[in-house]
Protein backbone atom coordinates (compact mmCIF):
# COMPACT_ATOMS: atom_id res chain seq x y z
CA MET A 1 252.23 32.56 -128.36
CA THR A 2 255.47 33.16 -126.45
CA SER A 3 255.49 36.53 -124.72
CA PRO A 4 257.77 39.04 -126.48
CA ARG A 5 260.98 40.03 -124.70
CA LEU A 6 261.66 43.13 -126.80
CA LEU A 7 259.12 45.72 -127.86
CA HIS A 8 259.55 44.94 -131.57
CA ASP A 9 259.54 41.14 -131.28
CA SER A 10 255.83 41.00 -132.15
CA LEU A 11 256.38 42.93 -135.39
CA LEU A 12 259.32 40.71 -136.35
CA LEU A 13 257.10 37.67 -135.84
CA ARG A 14 254.04 38.99 -137.66
CA GLY A 15 255.90 40.67 -140.49
CA SER A 16 257.91 37.56 -141.34
CA ALA A 17 255.22 34.86 -140.83
CA PRO A 18 253.61 34.16 -144.24
CA GLU A 19 250.10 33.86 -142.83
CA GLU A 20 250.44 37.17 -140.94
CA ARG A 21 252.25 39.39 -143.47
CA ARG A 22 249.07 40.36 -145.32
CA ARG A 23 247.09 41.19 -142.20
CA ILE A 24 246.31 44.91 -141.98
CA ALA A 25 248.37 46.60 -139.28
CA LEU A 26 247.67 50.30 -139.81
CA LEU A 27 245.10 52.59 -141.40
CA ALA A 28 246.48 56.12 -141.72
CA ASP A 29 245.90 59.10 -144.03
CA GLY A 30 243.55 57.13 -146.25
CA GLN A 31 246.01 54.27 -146.79
CA SER A 32 246.23 50.75 -145.36
CA TYR A 33 249.51 49.04 -144.49
CA ASP A 34 249.94 45.38 -143.67
CA TYR A 35 252.37 43.81 -141.21
CA GLY A 36 254.75 42.82 -144.00
CA GLN A 37 254.94 46.42 -145.24
CA LEU A 38 255.48 47.74 -141.72
CA LEU A 39 258.32 45.31 -141.08
CA ASP A 40 259.92 45.99 -144.47
CA ALA A 41 259.78 49.78 -144.09
CA SER A 42 261.03 49.63 -140.49
CA GLN A 43 264.00 47.46 -141.43
CA LYS A 44 264.92 49.78 -144.30
CA MET A 45 264.78 52.80 -142.01
CA ALA A 46 266.86 50.94 -139.42
CA GLY A 47 269.43 50.46 -142.18
CA ALA A 48 269.35 54.22 -142.82
CA PHE A 49 269.97 54.81 -139.12
CA TYR A 50 273.10 52.66 -139.32
CA GLY A 51 274.22 54.91 -142.17
CA PHE A 52 274.04 57.84 -139.75
CA GLY A 53 276.26 55.93 -137.32
CA ILE A 54 273.54 54.82 -134.89
CA HIS A 55 274.68 52.23 -132.34
CA ARG A 56 272.94 50.30 -129.60
CA GLY A 57 271.77 52.68 -126.87
CA ASP A 58 271.72 55.83 -129.03
CA ARG A 59 268.63 58.05 -129.11
CA ILE A 60 266.48 58.88 -132.14
CA ALA A 61 264.05 61.81 -131.92
CA ILE A 62 260.74 61.52 -133.77
CA PHE A 63 259.03 64.87 -134.39
CA LEU A 64 255.97 63.91 -136.43
CA ASP A 65 252.19 63.92 -136.51
CA ASN A 66 250.32 60.63 -136.11
CA SER A 67 251.22 59.07 -139.45
CA TRP A 68 252.77 56.14 -141.29
CA PRO A 69 256.29 57.68 -141.07
CA CYS A 70 255.90 58.07 -137.30
CA VAL A 71 254.94 54.42 -136.79
CA VAL A 72 257.78 53.23 -139.04
CA ALA A 73 260.30 55.42 -137.19
CA ILE A 74 259.26 53.98 -133.80
CA TYR A 75 259.87 50.37 -134.83
CA ALA A 76 262.96 51.22 -136.89
CA SER A 77 264.53 52.84 -133.82
CA LEU A 78 263.91 49.70 -131.78
CA MET A 79 265.28 47.43 -134.50
CA ALA A 80 268.43 49.53 -134.65
CA GLY A 81 268.93 49.02 -130.90
CA ALA A 82 268.20 52.70 -130.20
CA ALA A 83 265.70 54.38 -127.90
CA PHE A 84 263.03 56.52 -129.54
CA VAL A 85 262.17 60.00 -128.25
CA LEU A 86 258.70 61.08 -129.40
CA VAL A 87 258.14 64.83 -129.54
CA ASN A 88 254.67 66.33 -129.79
CA PRO A 89 254.28 67.98 -133.23
CA GLN A 90 252.88 71.08 -131.49
CA THR A 91 256.20 71.59 -129.69
CA ARG A 92 257.81 74.96 -130.20
CA GLU A 93 261.36 75.63 -131.31
CA GLU A 94 262.96 76.23 -127.90
CA LYS A 95 261.55 73.09 -126.31
CA LEU A 96 262.47 70.96 -129.33
CA GLU A 97 266.02 72.26 -129.11
CA PHE A 98 266.13 71.42 -125.40
CA ILE A 99 264.88 67.86 -125.95
CA LEU A 100 267.32 67.23 -128.80
CA ARG A 101 270.20 68.57 -126.74
CA ASP A 102 269.20 66.87 -123.49
CA SER A 103 268.56 63.46 -125.04
CA GLY A 104 271.67 63.63 -127.22
CA ALA A 105 269.58 62.44 -130.18
CA ARG A 106 271.83 61.51 -133.11
CA VAL A 107 269.02 61.43 -135.68
CA LEU A 108 265.81 63.43 -136.04
CA VAL A 109 262.90 61.97 -138.02
CA THR A 110 260.49 64.72 -139.02
CA ALA A 111 258.39 66.19 -141.84
CA GLY A 112 258.73 69.11 -144.23
CA HIS A 113 255.75 71.03 -142.86
CA LEU A 114 257.55 71.25 -139.49
CA ALA A 115 260.72 72.79 -140.96
CA HIS A 116 259.90 76.23 -139.53
CA VAL A 117 260.33 74.65 -136.08
CA PHE A 118 263.12 72.11 -136.49
CA ALA A 119 265.39 73.98 -138.95
CA PRO A 120 266.27 76.91 -136.62
CA ALA A 121 266.59 74.52 -133.66
CA LEU A 122 269.11 72.39 -135.56
CA LEU A 123 271.22 75.45 -136.41
CA ARG A 124 272.00 75.91 -132.72
CA LEU A 125 273.07 72.30 -132.10
CA GLU A 126 276.67 71.22 -132.47
CA PRO A 127 276.96 68.62 -133.76
CA ALA A 128 273.50 68.67 -135.31
CA PRO A 129 271.74 65.31 -135.61
CA GLY A 130 271.21 63.70 -138.99
CA VAL A 131 267.72 64.13 -140.41
CA ILE A 132 265.24 61.86 -142.15
CA CYS A 133 262.40 64.01 -143.42
CA ALA A 134 259.02 63.03 -144.87
CA GLY A 135 257.95 65.32 -147.68
CA CYS A 136 261.38 66.95 -148.02
CA ALA A 137 263.72 67.23 -150.97
CA PRO A 138 267.09 66.86 -149.18
CA LYS A 139 269.83 69.27 -150.21
CA GLU A 140 272.38 68.28 -147.58
CA THR A 141 274.31 65.08 -146.95
CA ALA A 142 273.08 65.08 -143.35
CA MET A 143 269.44 64.78 -144.52
CA ARG A 144 267.62 61.93 -146.22
CA SER A 145 264.10 61.64 -147.57
CA PHE A 146 261.74 59.24 -145.78
CA GLU A 147 260.21 58.30 -149.10
CA GLN A 148 263.61 57.39 -150.56
CA VAL A 149 264.57 55.44 -147.44
CA VAL A 150 261.52 53.15 -147.51
CA ALA A 151 261.70 52.72 -151.29
CA ALA A 152 265.36 51.68 -151.23
CA GLU A 153 266.66 48.18 -151.91
CA ARG A 154 266.93 45.99 -148.86
CA ARG A 155 270.40 45.54 -147.44
CA ALA A 156 271.80 43.39 -144.67
CA GLU A 157 271.47 44.95 -141.24
CA PRO A 158 273.89 44.43 -138.36
CA GLU A 159 272.69 42.13 -135.60
CA VAL A 160 271.73 44.19 -132.54
CA ALA A 161 272.15 42.17 -129.36
CA ALA A 162 269.54 44.06 -127.34
CA ILE A 163 268.19 42.66 -124.08
CA PRO A 164 264.98 43.52 -122.16
CA LEU A 165 266.83 45.84 -119.76
CA ASP A 166 267.97 48.08 -122.62
CA LEU A 167 266.35 51.48 -123.01
CA ALA A 168 263.42 51.47 -125.45
CA ALA A 169 262.10 55.01 -125.09
CA ILE A 170 262.59 58.33 -123.37
CA ILE A 171 259.22 59.99 -122.87
CA TYR A 172 259.51 63.68 -122.04
CA THR A 173 256.98 65.10 -119.64
CA SER A 174 256.64 68.54 -118.04
CA GLY A 175 258.40 68.98 -114.73
CA SER A 176 257.65 71.19 -111.75
CA THR A 177 260.97 72.97 -112.41
CA GLY A 178 259.71 74.19 -115.80
CA THR A 179 262.17 71.99 -117.69
CA PRO A 180 260.90 68.83 -119.42
CA LYS A 181 262.19 65.62 -117.88
CA GLY A 182 262.78 62.41 -119.79
CA VAL A 183 261.18 59.28 -118.35
CA MET A 184 263.36 56.26 -119.17
CA GLN A 185 261.43 53.11 -120.05
CA THR A 186 263.08 49.80 -120.92
CA HIS A 187 261.86 47.10 -123.28
CA GLN A 188 260.98 45.05 -120.22
CA SER A 189 258.87 47.77 -118.58
CA MET A 190 256.96 48.63 -121.76
CA VAL A 191 256.33 45.02 -122.80
CA PHE A 192 255.05 44.30 -119.30
CA ALA A 193 252.79 47.36 -119.20
CA ALA A 194 251.28 46.66 -122.63
CA GLY A 195 250.68 43.01 -121.71
CA SER A 196 249.05 43.90 -118.40
CA ILE A 197 246.71 46.41 -120.05
CA ILE A 198 245.79 43.89 -122.76
CA GLU A 199 244.94 41.41 -120.01
CA TYR A 200 242.61 43.62 -117.97
CA LEU A 201 240.95 45.13 -121.05
CA ARG A 202 240.30 41.54 -122.22
CA LEU A 203 241.56 42.25 -125.73
CA THR A 204 242.08 39.82 -128.62
CA ALA A 205 243.66 39.80 -132.07
CA ASP A 206 240.28 40.72 -133.58
CA GLU A 207 240.36 44.26 -132.19
CA LYS A 208 240.39 47.42 -134.26
CA PHE A 209 241.70 50.39 -132.28
CA LEU A 210 240.96 54.02 -133.17
CA CYS A 211 243.60 56.43 -131.85
CA VAL A 212 242.96 60.18 -131.98
CA LEU A 213 245.51 60.86 -129.22
CA PRO A 214 249.05 61.90 -130.20
CA LEU A 215 251.56 59.03 -130.24
CA SER A 216 253.86 61.38 -128.30
CA PHE A 217 251.37 61.00 -125.41
CA ASP A 218 252.08 57.61 -123.85
CA TYR A 219 248.35 56.81 -123.75
CA GLY A 220 248.30 57.16 -127.54
CA LEU A 221 251.60 55.32 -127.97
CA TYR A 222 250.35 52.26 -126.13
CA GLN A 223 247.42 51.90 -128.52
CA LEU A 224 250.02 51.21 -131.21
CA LEU A 225 252.15 48.94 -129.05
CA MET A 226 249.17 46.86 -127.91
CA SER A 227 247.75 46.62 -131.41
CA VAL A 228 251.01 45.25 -132.84
CA MET A 229 251.49 42.93 -129.85
CA LEU A 230 248.05 41.47 -130.55
CA GLY A 231 248.34 41.46 -134.34
CA ALA A 232 245.28 43.73 -134.47
CA VAL A 233 244.46 46.84 -136.55
CA LEU A 234 245.17 50.44 -135.57
CA ALA A 235 243.18 53.21 -137.26
CA LEU A 236 245.21 56.37 -136.71
CA GLU A 237 243.81 59.90 -136.70
CA ARG A 238 246.03 62.94 -136.42
CA SER A 239 243.81 64.48 -133.75
CA PHE A 240 240.25 65.03 -132.58
CA THR A 241 240.12 68.41 -134.34
CA TYR A 242 237.33 67.28 -136.66
CA PRO A 243 234.91 65.26 -134.49
CA ALA A 244 232.53 64.44 -137.35
CA GLN A 245 235.40 62.79 -139.21
CA VAL A 246 236.22 60.71 -136.13
CA TYR A 247 232.57 59.67 -135.75
CA GLY A 248 232.61 58.56 -139.38
CA ARG A 249 235.68 56.41 -138.82
CA LEU A 250 234.19 54.87 -135.69
CA ARG A 251 231.19 53.84 -137.75
CA ASP A 252 232.80 52.98 -141.10
CA GLU A 253 235.79 51.07 -139.74
CA ARG A 254 233.67 49.20 -137.19
CA VAL A 255 236.12 50.16 -134.44
CA THR A 256 236.11 48.00 -131.30
CA VAL A 257 238.45 49.95 -128.96
CA PHE A 258 238.09 53.70 -128.42
CA PRO A 259 240.48 55.40 -125.95
CA GLY A 260 239.78 58.97 -124.92
CA VAL A 261 240.15 61.66 -122.32
CA PRO A 262 237.33 63.63 -120.63
CA THR A 263 237.50 66.53 -123.11
CA ILE A 264 236.91 64.12 -126.00
CA PHE A 265 234.02 62.45 -124.22
CA ALA A 266 232.50 65.83 -123.30
CA THR A 267 232.52 66.83 -126.98
CA LEU A 268 231.02 63.48 -127.89
CA LEU A 269 228.22 63.88 -125.34
CA ALA A 270 227.43 67.40 -126.53
CA ALA A 271 227.09 66.14 -130.11
CA HIS A 272 224.94 63.23 -128.92
CA ARG A 273 222.53 65.60 -127.19
CA ARG A 274 222.01 67.48 -130.46
CA THR A 275 221.77 64.41 -132.71
CA PRO A 276 221.81 60.95 -131.09
CA LEU A 277 224.94 58.93 -131.84
CA SER A 278 225.45 55.19 -131.62
CA PHE A 279 228.54 53.08 -132.23
CA PRO A 280 227.52 49.49 -131.46
CA SER A 281 230.76 47.97 -132.82
CA VAL A 282 232.80 49.48 -129.95
CA THR A 283 233.31 46.97 -127.13
CA ARG A 284 235.90 48.89 -125.05
CA VAL A 285 235.88 52.56 -124.06
CA THR A 286 238.86 53.64 -121.94
CA ASN A 287 239.59 56.87 -120.12
CA THR A 288 242.66 58.23 -118.38
CA ALA A 289 244.71 61.48 -118.08
CA ALA A 290 241.96 63.07 -115.94
CA ALA A 291 239.08 61.62 -113.98
CA LEU A 292 236.04 60.62 -116.03
CA PRO A 293 233.05 62.26 -114.32
CA ASP A 294 230.53 59.71 -113.06
CA GLU A 295 227.84 61.80 -114.73
CA PHE A 296 229.27 60.96 -118.18
CA VAL A 297 228.78 57.21 -117.82
CA PRO A 298 225.01 56.84 -118.45
CA GLU A 299 225.16 58.75 -121.74
CA LEU A 300 228.36 57.00 -122.83
CA ARG A 301 226.47 53.74 -122.43
CA GLN A 302 223.83 55.09 -124.81
CA ILE A 303 226.45 56.03 -127.39
CA PHE A 304 228.43 52.79 -126.96
CA PRO A 305 225.70 50.24 -126.13
CA SER A 306 228.04 47.24 -126.50
CA ALA A 307 231.03 48.67 -124.65
CA LEU A 308 232.71 48.03 -121.35
CA ILE A 309 233.68 51.43 -119.93
CA TYR A 310 237.01 51.56 -118.09
CA LYS A 311 238.10 54.26 -115.65
CA MET A 312 241.87 54.22 -115.16
CA TYR A 313 244.67 56.12 -113.46
CA GLY A 314 248.31 56.32 -114.40
CA LEU A 315 251.36 58.50 -114.83
CA THR A 316 254.17 58.46 -117.36
CA GLU A 317 256.65 57.17 -114.77
CA CYS A 318 254.95 53.75 -114.80
CA LYS A 319 252.41 54.09 -117.62
CA ARG A 320 249.39 52.70 -115.76
CA VAL A 321 248.67 52.24 -112.05
CA SER A 322 245.10 51.10 -111.66
CA TYR A 323 241.82 50.34 -113.41
CA LEU A 324 238.22 49.93 -112.31
CA GLU A 325 236.43 46.84 -113.58
CA PRO A 326 233.59 48.16 -115.78
CA GLU A 327 231.09 46.01 -113.92
CA LEU A 328 231.90 48.04 -110.76
CA VAL A 329 231.57 51.56 -112.19
CA ASP A 330 228.18 52.08 -110.54
CA ALA A 331 229.09 50.30 -107.30
CA LYS A 332 232.33 52.27 -106.78
CA PRO A 333 231.64 55.84 -107.92
CA GLY A 334 234.71 58.05 -107.92
CA SER A 335 237.14 55.13 -107.68
CA VAL A 336 239.99 54.42 -110.11
CA GLY A 337 239.98 50.78 -109.05
CA LYS A 338 242.81 48.48 -108.07
CA ALA A 339 246.37 47.84 -109.25
CA ILE A 340 246.80 46.53 -112.79
CA PRO A 341 247.67 42.79 -113.11
CA GLY A 342 251.15 41.88 -111.92
CA THR A 343 251.68 45.00 -109.82
CA GLU A 344 251.09 46.23 -106.28
CA VAL A 345 250.06 49.59 -104.83
CA TYR A 346 250.01 50.88 -101.27
CA ILE A 347 249.54 54.17 -99.45
CA LEU A 348 252.03 55.61 -96.99
CA SER A 349 251.94 58.68 -94.79
CA GLU A 350 254.46 61.49 -95.25
CA SER A 351 256.61 59.76 -92.61
CA GLY A 352 256.49 56.44 -94.48
CA GLU A 353 253.95 54.61 -92.31
CA PRO A 354 251.11 52.54 -93.84
CA THR A 355 247.80 54.40 -93.73
CA PRO A 356 244.54 52.77 -92.59
CA ALA A 357 241.51 52.53 -94.91
CA GLY A 358 239.96 55.91 -95.56
CA ARG A 359 243.08 57.86 -94.54
CA VAL A 360 244.80 60.04 -97.14
CA GLY A 361 248.45 59.38 -97.98
CA LEU A 362 250.98 59.14 -100.81
CA LEU A 363 250.40 56.40 -103.39
CA HIS A 364 253.33 54.06 -104.08
CA VAL A 365 253.60 51.68 -107.02
CA ARG A 366 255.57 48.44 -107.21
CA GLY A 367 256.04 46.53 -110.46
CA SER A 368 258.08 45.83 -113.59
CA HIS A 369 256.52 48.83 -115.32
CA VAL A 370 258.18 51.41 -113.05
CA MET A 371 260.58 53.67 -114.93
CA ALA A 372 264.34 53.24 -114.81
CA GLY A 373 264.60 56.90 -113.79
CA TYR A 374 264.77 60.35 -115.35
CA TRP A 375 267.32 60.89 -118.10
CA ASN A 376 270.23 63.00 -116.81
CA ARG A 377 268.26 63.90 -113.65
CA PRO A 378 269.56 61.75 -110.77
CA GLU A 379 268.29 64.14 -108.09
CA LEU A 380 264.72 63.98 -109.43
CA THR A 381 265.01 60.22 -109.81
CA GLU A 382 265.82 59.91 -106.12
CA GLN A 383 262.70 61.90 -105.24
CA MET A 384 260.44 59.56 -107.22
CA LEU A 385 262.06 56.15 -106.74
CA ARG A 386 262.11 55.18 -103.07
CA PRO A 387 263.43 52.11 -101.20
CA GLY A 388 260.99 49.22 -101.55
CA LYS A 389 260.06 46.13 -99.60
CA LEU A 390 263.13 44.15 -100.67
CA PRO A 391 266.78 45.12 -100.17
CA GLY A 392 267.90 47.23 -103.13
CA GLU A 393 264.41 47.45 -104.60
CA ARG A 394 263.01 50.80 -105.71
CA VAL A 395 259.31 51.63 -105.91
CA LEU A 396 257.61 54.65 -107.43
CA CYS A 397 256.29 57.33 -105.12
CA THR A 398 253.67 59.08 -107.25
CA HIS A 399 253.51 62.15 -104.97
CA ASP A 400 249.75 62.00 -105.55
CA LEU A 401 247.42 61.87 -102.57
CA PHE A 402 245.04 58.90 -102.46
CA LYS A 403 242.88 57.00 -100.05
CA MET A 404 241.82 53.36 -100.15
CA ASP A 405 238.50 51.92 -99.00
CA ASP A 406 237.95 48.75 -96.96
CA ASP A 407 237.73 46.71 -100.17
CA GLY A 408 241.10 47.94 -101.44
CA PHE A 409 239.76 50.35 -104.10
CA LEU A 410 241.69 53.56 -104.74
CA TYR A 411 240.34 57.11 -104.75
CA PHE A 412 242.38 60.02 -106.10
CA VAL A 413 242.41 63.07 -103.80
CA GLU A 414 244.86 65.59 -105.31
CA ARG A 415 248.37 66.15 -106.62
CA THR A 416 251.07 67.31 -104.26
CA ASP A 417 253.04 69.14 -106.94
CA GLU A 418 251.84 72.00 -109.11
CA ILE A 419 251.72 70.21 -112.45
CA ILE A 420 248.47 70.97 -114.26
CA LYS A 421 246.74 68.16 -116.16
CA THR A 422 244.62 69.66 -118.90
CA ARG A 423 243.15 68.03 -122.01
CA GLY A 424 245.15 64.91 -121.24
CA GLU A 425 248.46 66.82 -121.25
CA LYS A 426 250.77 67.85 -118.42
CA VAL A 427 251.54 71.54 -118.14
CA SER A 428 254.33 73.03 -116.07
CA PRO A 429 253.18 76.33 -114.51
CA ILE A 430 256.76 77.57 -114.52
CA GLU A 431 257.05 77.02 -118.26
CA VAL A 432 253.89 79.09 -118.84
CA GLU A 433 255.09 81.74 -116.38
CA ASN A 434 258.39 81.97 -118.24
CA ALA A 435 256.49 82.59 -121.47
CA LEU A 436 254.34 85.24 -119.78
CA HIS A 437 257.38 87.02 -118.40
CA ARG A 438 258.82 87.33 -121.91
CA ILE A 439 255.81 89.41 -123.01
CA PRO A 440 256.52 93.17 -122.90
CA GLY A 441 254.35 94.82 -120.27
CA VAL A 442 254.00 91.76 -118.02
CA ARG A 443 255.53 92.43 -114.63
CA GLU A 444 254.68 89.31 -112.62
CA ALA A 445 252.80 86.12 -113.41
CA ALA A 446 251.55 83.14 -111.47
CA VAL A 447 249.93 80.14 -113.14
CA VAL A 448 247.67 77.60 -111.45
CA GLY A 449 245.30 74.83 -112.43
CA VAL A 450 241.62 75.15 -111.56
CA PRO A 451 238.96 72.42 -111.76
CA HIS A 452 237.12 72.37 -115.08
CA PRO A 453 234.25 70.05 -116.07
CA LEU A 454 235.61 69.40 -119.56
CA LEU A 455 239.37 69.96 -119.37
CA GLY A 456 239.99 68.22 -116.04
CA GLU A 457 241.92 71.32 -115.06
CA ALA A 458 242.08 74.68 -116.83
CA VAL A 459 245.24 76.78 -116.98
CA ARG A 460 244.64 80.08 -115.22
CA ALA A 461 247.17 82.93 -115.19
CA TYR A 462 247.24 85.79 -112.71
CA VAL A 463 249.21 88.71 -114.13
CA THR A 464 250.37 92.10 -112.92
CA THR A 465 251.46 94.59 -115.57
CA ASP A 466 253.76 97.58 -115.92
CA PRO A 467 251.60 100.75 -115.75
CA ALA A 468 253.89 102.36 -118.29
CA MET A 469 253.19 99.63 -120.84
CA PRO A 470 249.44 98.90 -120.91
CA ILE A 471 248.59 95.46 -122.30
CA SER A 472 245.31 93.63 -122.83
CA VAL A 473 244.31 90.10 -121.94
CA GLN A 474 244.00 89.31 -125.63
CA SER A 475 247.58 90.44 -126.26
CA ILE A 476 248.82 88.31 -123.36
CA ARG A 477 247.11 85.19 -124.70
CA ALA A 478 248.42 85.92 -128.21
CA GLY A 479 251.93 86.27 -126.81
CA CYS A 480 251.61 82.89 -125.11
CA ALA A 481 250.25 81.27 -128.27
CA ALA A 482 253.36 82.42 -130.15
CA THR A 483 255.71 80.38 -127.96
CA LEU A 484 253.65 77.65 -126.28
CA GLU A 485 251.71 74.61 -127.43
CA SER A 486 247.98 75.28 -127.65
CA PHE A 487 247.11 73.25 -124.55
CA MET A 488 249.55 75.37 -122.49
CA VAL A 489 248.01 78.72 -123.41
CA PRO A 490 246.03 79.99 -120.38
CA ALA A 491 242.32 79.40 -120.79
CA GLU A 492 241.78 82.29 -118.38
CA VAL A 493 243.87 85.40 -117.69
CA ILE A 494 243.20 87.63 -114.69
CA LEU A 495 244.91 91.02 -114.50
CA CYS A 496 245.58 91.95 -110.87
CA GLY A 497 246.85 94.96 -109.02
CA HIS A 498 249.09 92.72 -106.92
CA LEU A 499 249.75 89.06 -106.19
CA PRO A 500 249.55 87.65 -102.64
CA ARG A 501 252.83 86.69 -101.04
CA SER A 502 253.94 84.36 -98.28
CA PRO A 503 256.07 85.60 -95.35
CA ASN A 504 259.26 84.65 -97.18
CA GLY A 505 258.34 86.87 -100.13
CA LYS A 506 257.24 84.19 -102.59
CA ILE A 507 253.96 84.40 -104.49
CA ASP A 508 251.43 82.41 -102.46
CA LYS A 509 249.56 80.41 -105.10
CA ARG A 510 247.27 78.79 -102.57
CA ARG A 511 245.74 82.18 -101.81
CA LEU A 512 245.32 83.12 -105.46
CA ASN A 513 242.20 81.07 -106.12
CA GLN A 514 240.78 81.83 -102.67
CA ALA A 515 241.07 85.59 -102.81
CA PRO A 516 242.64 86.92 -105.99
CA GLY A 517 241.64 90.48 -105.15
CA PRO A 518 239.65 92.75 -107.42
CA PRO A 519 240.95 92.00 -110.91
CA ALA A 520 241.49 94.84 -113.28
CA GLU A 521 240.43 92.66 -116.20
CA ARG A 522 239.34 89.07 -116.60
CA ASP A 523 238.94 86.91 -119.69
CA ALA A 524 237.86 83.29 -120.05
């Protein structure tokens, strides 16, 4: 098969080829959808986007749970020549408003049960984007029902002359400044990344993926993109909230590919120790977002006796950097492997000099999967995209510290910024600190990440309070939960008499975990 140039080329091929139309593409919410249905619904929604005035290069925000409407909206956006902007359904009102405003989204695709979040956000936007809503009864001309859109008669769609260098998606990720930043990925970069991952995972059209990760998380998104590229089946779960339900799907659907993060695997192992589990149909188990502890591997092999277990490393700015061949997991403990096919990685010192084997330096990534930059953030783009080996070339500086052994295998050391990676999500300490400072009684707050065997890192908050306004740890966590996504709420709050400071007067976070001082109250 000819390699796709655009991200939706594979769906156009499979949905229009008679022998492929009836192949199951998606299993979601108890329903199955074939490739013909997915193409038909996506084209109808693309037509609805044209009705809202969408043109090539515009942005469409998708604020939905893992669901049939979400998948349709992704491919409809691409067919309309637009870039999709996936927003985690746990996102709160203020962040949603920021993303809609920053991206300039002209249409929002969402669902009725999220109206308490999106409705007030839209009131503050001028002009407000048009809305397509699943499970809504539209009362305004600027809103349409998803159900009506996909049930409508087909109509001719304008030809969209997109090329591989056009923007396909803006993926928002937490930034060290506390403001989300939009990673720009083109059709070319995403097609390349999906193809490279398919190659090293050794996948075929016979796969059945199970995705419990949010599609707004690029790790989850690529399960969909790879599945459609292969012509395989994607079984979609809204989350891992009900593990027993996920175990049932693994077994009943005879899933072959199971992607996860360490927190998911830790839960799985705990269940296995109580009542042995076995999923022999699974042939690929993949892990990223945080390091998979070496100690997990033996028991994962018991649970997935037929599976190759992949350790991987990546970041949103290039999707995936490296992978460890499953046959080498025991021989290279702690390693995240080598560069994915078609790419190159190297380590440089702070001054830009190549580092010898075993020496720690900054990891750089060279390849077609590197982002185009950050949306509306040229200064941050310059920090991440550095001059490459060829004149005019730009490579990605991850700002993560790595070392490489004599065989060329990579070992993650630590992050150089303060972003916390917990439960497979990125958390900006400043964003959490801002939420803490809005709580009456909180005087100062400092948020750090601390190593955690299940979460990768746990969010820990050090807080000083106003003596005139006593406040408990429970009240602080409740205040955070009212404005932050659940994974951002501090897992641990420590009330302190004071916070250590550096000579220039700033809170010295490095000293917090070393010597926090006698806490007045502590809660985990």
